[in-house]
Amino acid sequence: MDVNYFMQNLSKREEESFKDYVAEKLPAFENLLTKFADDARLLKVTIEKFEKHDAYEIEFCLTLPTKSMYAKEASHTITKAVDLSKDRLISQLKKHMALLRKDRSHKSIRDAETVKEKVEVWE
């Protein structure tokens, strides 16, 4: 998987710690993306530091041949923002992979089908 980093208003030390921490989190994505070719997966990781609020805004954009997914979080620490945005993107990715497999066991898919069945019964 190709990973592109975009950093704004960070010191060199913050840049290095950010890259190292994101590199630790990449295996979570790799395990879910084994069905796609290496050159077909692109992860864009953006971080911006806001001096006024002493906060970091991190966004992950994962581009696959079938869909692009996006997760964005802000926090006062880099690690917390990375973890939150990674978790959001992982949940989107799991749902998308379930749809590709035509697996109806994912909670959001199952709930949508239940609502659809209830509507059909009332009609």
Protein backbone atom coordinates (compact mmCIF):
# COMPACT_ATOMS: atom_id res chain seq x y z
CA MET A 1 0.00 0.00 0.00
CA ASP A 2 1.26 3.43 -0.88
CA VAL A 3 1.11 6.00 1.91
CA ASN A 4 1.31 9.73 1.24
CA TYR A 5 1.87 12.14 4.12
CA PHE A 6 0.82 15.78 4.14
CA MET A 7 1.94 17.79 7.17
CA GLN A 8 1.27 21.37 8.10
CA ASN A 9 2.65 23.49 10.98
CA LEU A 10 4.57 20.61 12.60
CA SER A 11 8.06 20.59 14.04
CA LYS A 12 10.57 17.99 12.83
CA ARG A 13 10.18 16.01 16.05
CA GLU A 14 6.39 15.97 15.70
CA GLU A 15 6.68 14.90 12.06
CA GLU A 16 8.90 11.94 12.95
CA SER A 17 6.72 10.82 15.86
CA PHE A 18 3.63 11.11 13.65
CA LYS A 19 5.13 9.02 10.83
CA ASP A 20 6.35 6.39 13.29
CA TYR A 21 2.97 6.15 15.01
CA VAL A 22 1.06 5.87 11.73
CA ALA A 23 3.51 3.18 10.58
CA GLU A 24 2.60 1.17 13.70
CA LYS A 25 -1.09 1.37 12.73
CA LEU A 26 -0.68 0.34 9.07
CA PRO A 27 -0.83 -3.45 9.68
CA ALA A 28 -4.46 -3.04 10.76
CA PHE A 29 -5.25 -1.77 7.26
CA GLU A 30 -2.99 -4.28 5.53
CA ASN A 31 -4.79 -7.23 7.15
CA LEU A 32 -8.15 -6.07 5.79
CA LEU A 33 -6.89 -5.18 2.31
CA THR A 34 -5.31 -8.47 1.27
CA LYS A 35 -7.79 -8.90 -1.62
CA PHE A 36 -6.59 -5.74 -3.38
CA ALA A 37 -3.31 -5.40 -5.27
CA ASP A 38 -0.57 -3.40 -3.55
CA ASP A 39 -0.54 -0.72 -6.22
CA ALA A 40 -4.35 -0.41 -6.15
CA ARG A 41 -4.42 0.87 -2.56
CA LEU A 42 -3.54 4.45 -1.64
CA LEU A 43 -3.70 5.93 1.84
CA LYS A 44 -3.38 9.70 2.19
CA VAL A 45 -2.65 10.83 5.73
CA THR A 46 -2.95 14.54 6.51
CA ILE A 47 -2.10 16.27 9.76
CA GLU A 48 -2.45 19.90 10.63
CA LYS A 49 -1.49 21.54 13.89
CA PHE A 50 -3.57 24.47 15.11
CA GLU A 51 -1.38 26.71 17.27
CA LYS A 52 -4.29 28.75 18.62
CA HIS A 53 -6.12 25.74 20.05
CA ASP A 54 -3.05 23.55 20.60
CA ALA A 55 -4.80 20.75 18.69
CA TYR A 56 -4.13 18.39 15.81
CA GLU A 57 -6.51 17.52 13.00
CA ILE A 58 -5.81 14.24 11.27
CA GLU A 59 -7.56 12.81 8.26
CA PHE A 60 -7.17 9.47 6.55
CA CYS A 61 -8.32 9.03 2.96
CA LEU A 62 -8.16 5.46 1.66
CA THR A 63 -8.62 5.04 -2.08
CA LEU A 64 -9.47 1.58 -3.40
CA PRO A 65 -10.58 0.51 -6.88
CA THR A 66 -14.12 0.02 -5.59
CA LYS A 67 -14.53 2.98 -3.22
CA SER A 68 -12.83 5.89 -1.48
CA MET A 69 -13.22 6.20 2.28
CA TYR A 70 -12.51 9.17 4.49
CA ALA A 71 -12.10 9.67 8.25
CA LYS A 72 -11.24 12.89 10.06
CA GLU A 73 -10.65 13.58 13.76
CA ALA A 74 -9.23 16.33 15.92
CA SER A 75 -7.62 16.05 19.33
CA HIS A 76 -5.04 17.68 21.57
CA THR A 77 -2.65 14.75 21.17
CA ILE A 78 -1.38 13.20 17.96
CA THR A 79 -1.81 9.62 19.17
CA LYS A 80 -5.44 10.04 20.20
CA ALA A 81 -6.37 11.72 16.90
CA VAL A 82 -4.62 8.99 14.89
CA ASP A 83 -6.33 6.24 16.88
CA LEU A 84 -9.79 7.78 16.52
CA SER A 85 -9.51 8.41 12.80
CA LYS A 86 -7.99 4.95 12.22
CA ASP A 87 -10.87 3.34 14.08
CA ARG A 88 -13.42 5.24 12.00
CA LEU A 89 -11.74 4.23 8.77
CA ILE A 90 -11.42 0.59 9.87
CA SER A 91 -15.15 0.40 10.62
CA GLN A 92 -15.96 1.88 7.19
CA LEU A 93 -13.57 -0.57 5.57
CA LYS A 94 -15.09 -3.58 7.36
CA LYS A 95 -18.56 -2.56 6.24
CA HIS A 96 -17.38 -2.08 2.65
CA MET A 97 -15.62 -5.44 2.59
CA ALA A 98 -18.81 -7.09 3.92
CA LEU A 99 -20.78 -5.50 1.10
CA LEU A 100 -18.27 -6.74 -1.46
CA ARG A 101 -18.56 -10.28 -0.06
CA LYS A 102 -22.35 -9.90 -0.05
CA ASP A 103 -22.20 -10.73 3.63
CA ARG A 104 -25.34 -9.54 5.39
CA SER A 105 -24.07 -10.07 8.92
CA HIS A 106 -22.65 -6.56 9.36
CA LYS A 107 -24.79 -4.71 11.89
CA SER A 108 -25.59 -1.68 9.75
CA ILE A 109 -26.57 -3.83 6.78
CA ARG A 110 -28.66 -6.13 8.95
CA ASP A 111 -30.48 -3.18 10.56
CA ALA A 112 -31.26 -1.66 7.15
CA GLU A 113 -32.74 -4.94 5.94
CA THR A 114 -34.85 -5.25 9.10
CA VAL A 115 -36.28 -1.78 8.55
CA LYS A 116 -37.00 -2.62 4.91
CA GLU A 117 -38.82 -5.80 5.92
CA LYS A 118 -40.92 -3.92 8.48
CA VAL A 119 -41.90 -1.35 5.86
CA GLU A 120 -42.92 -4.10 3.44
CA VAL A 121 -45.08 -5.74 6.11
CA TRP A 122 -46.94 -2.48 6.81
CA GLU A 123 -47.60 -1.84 3.12
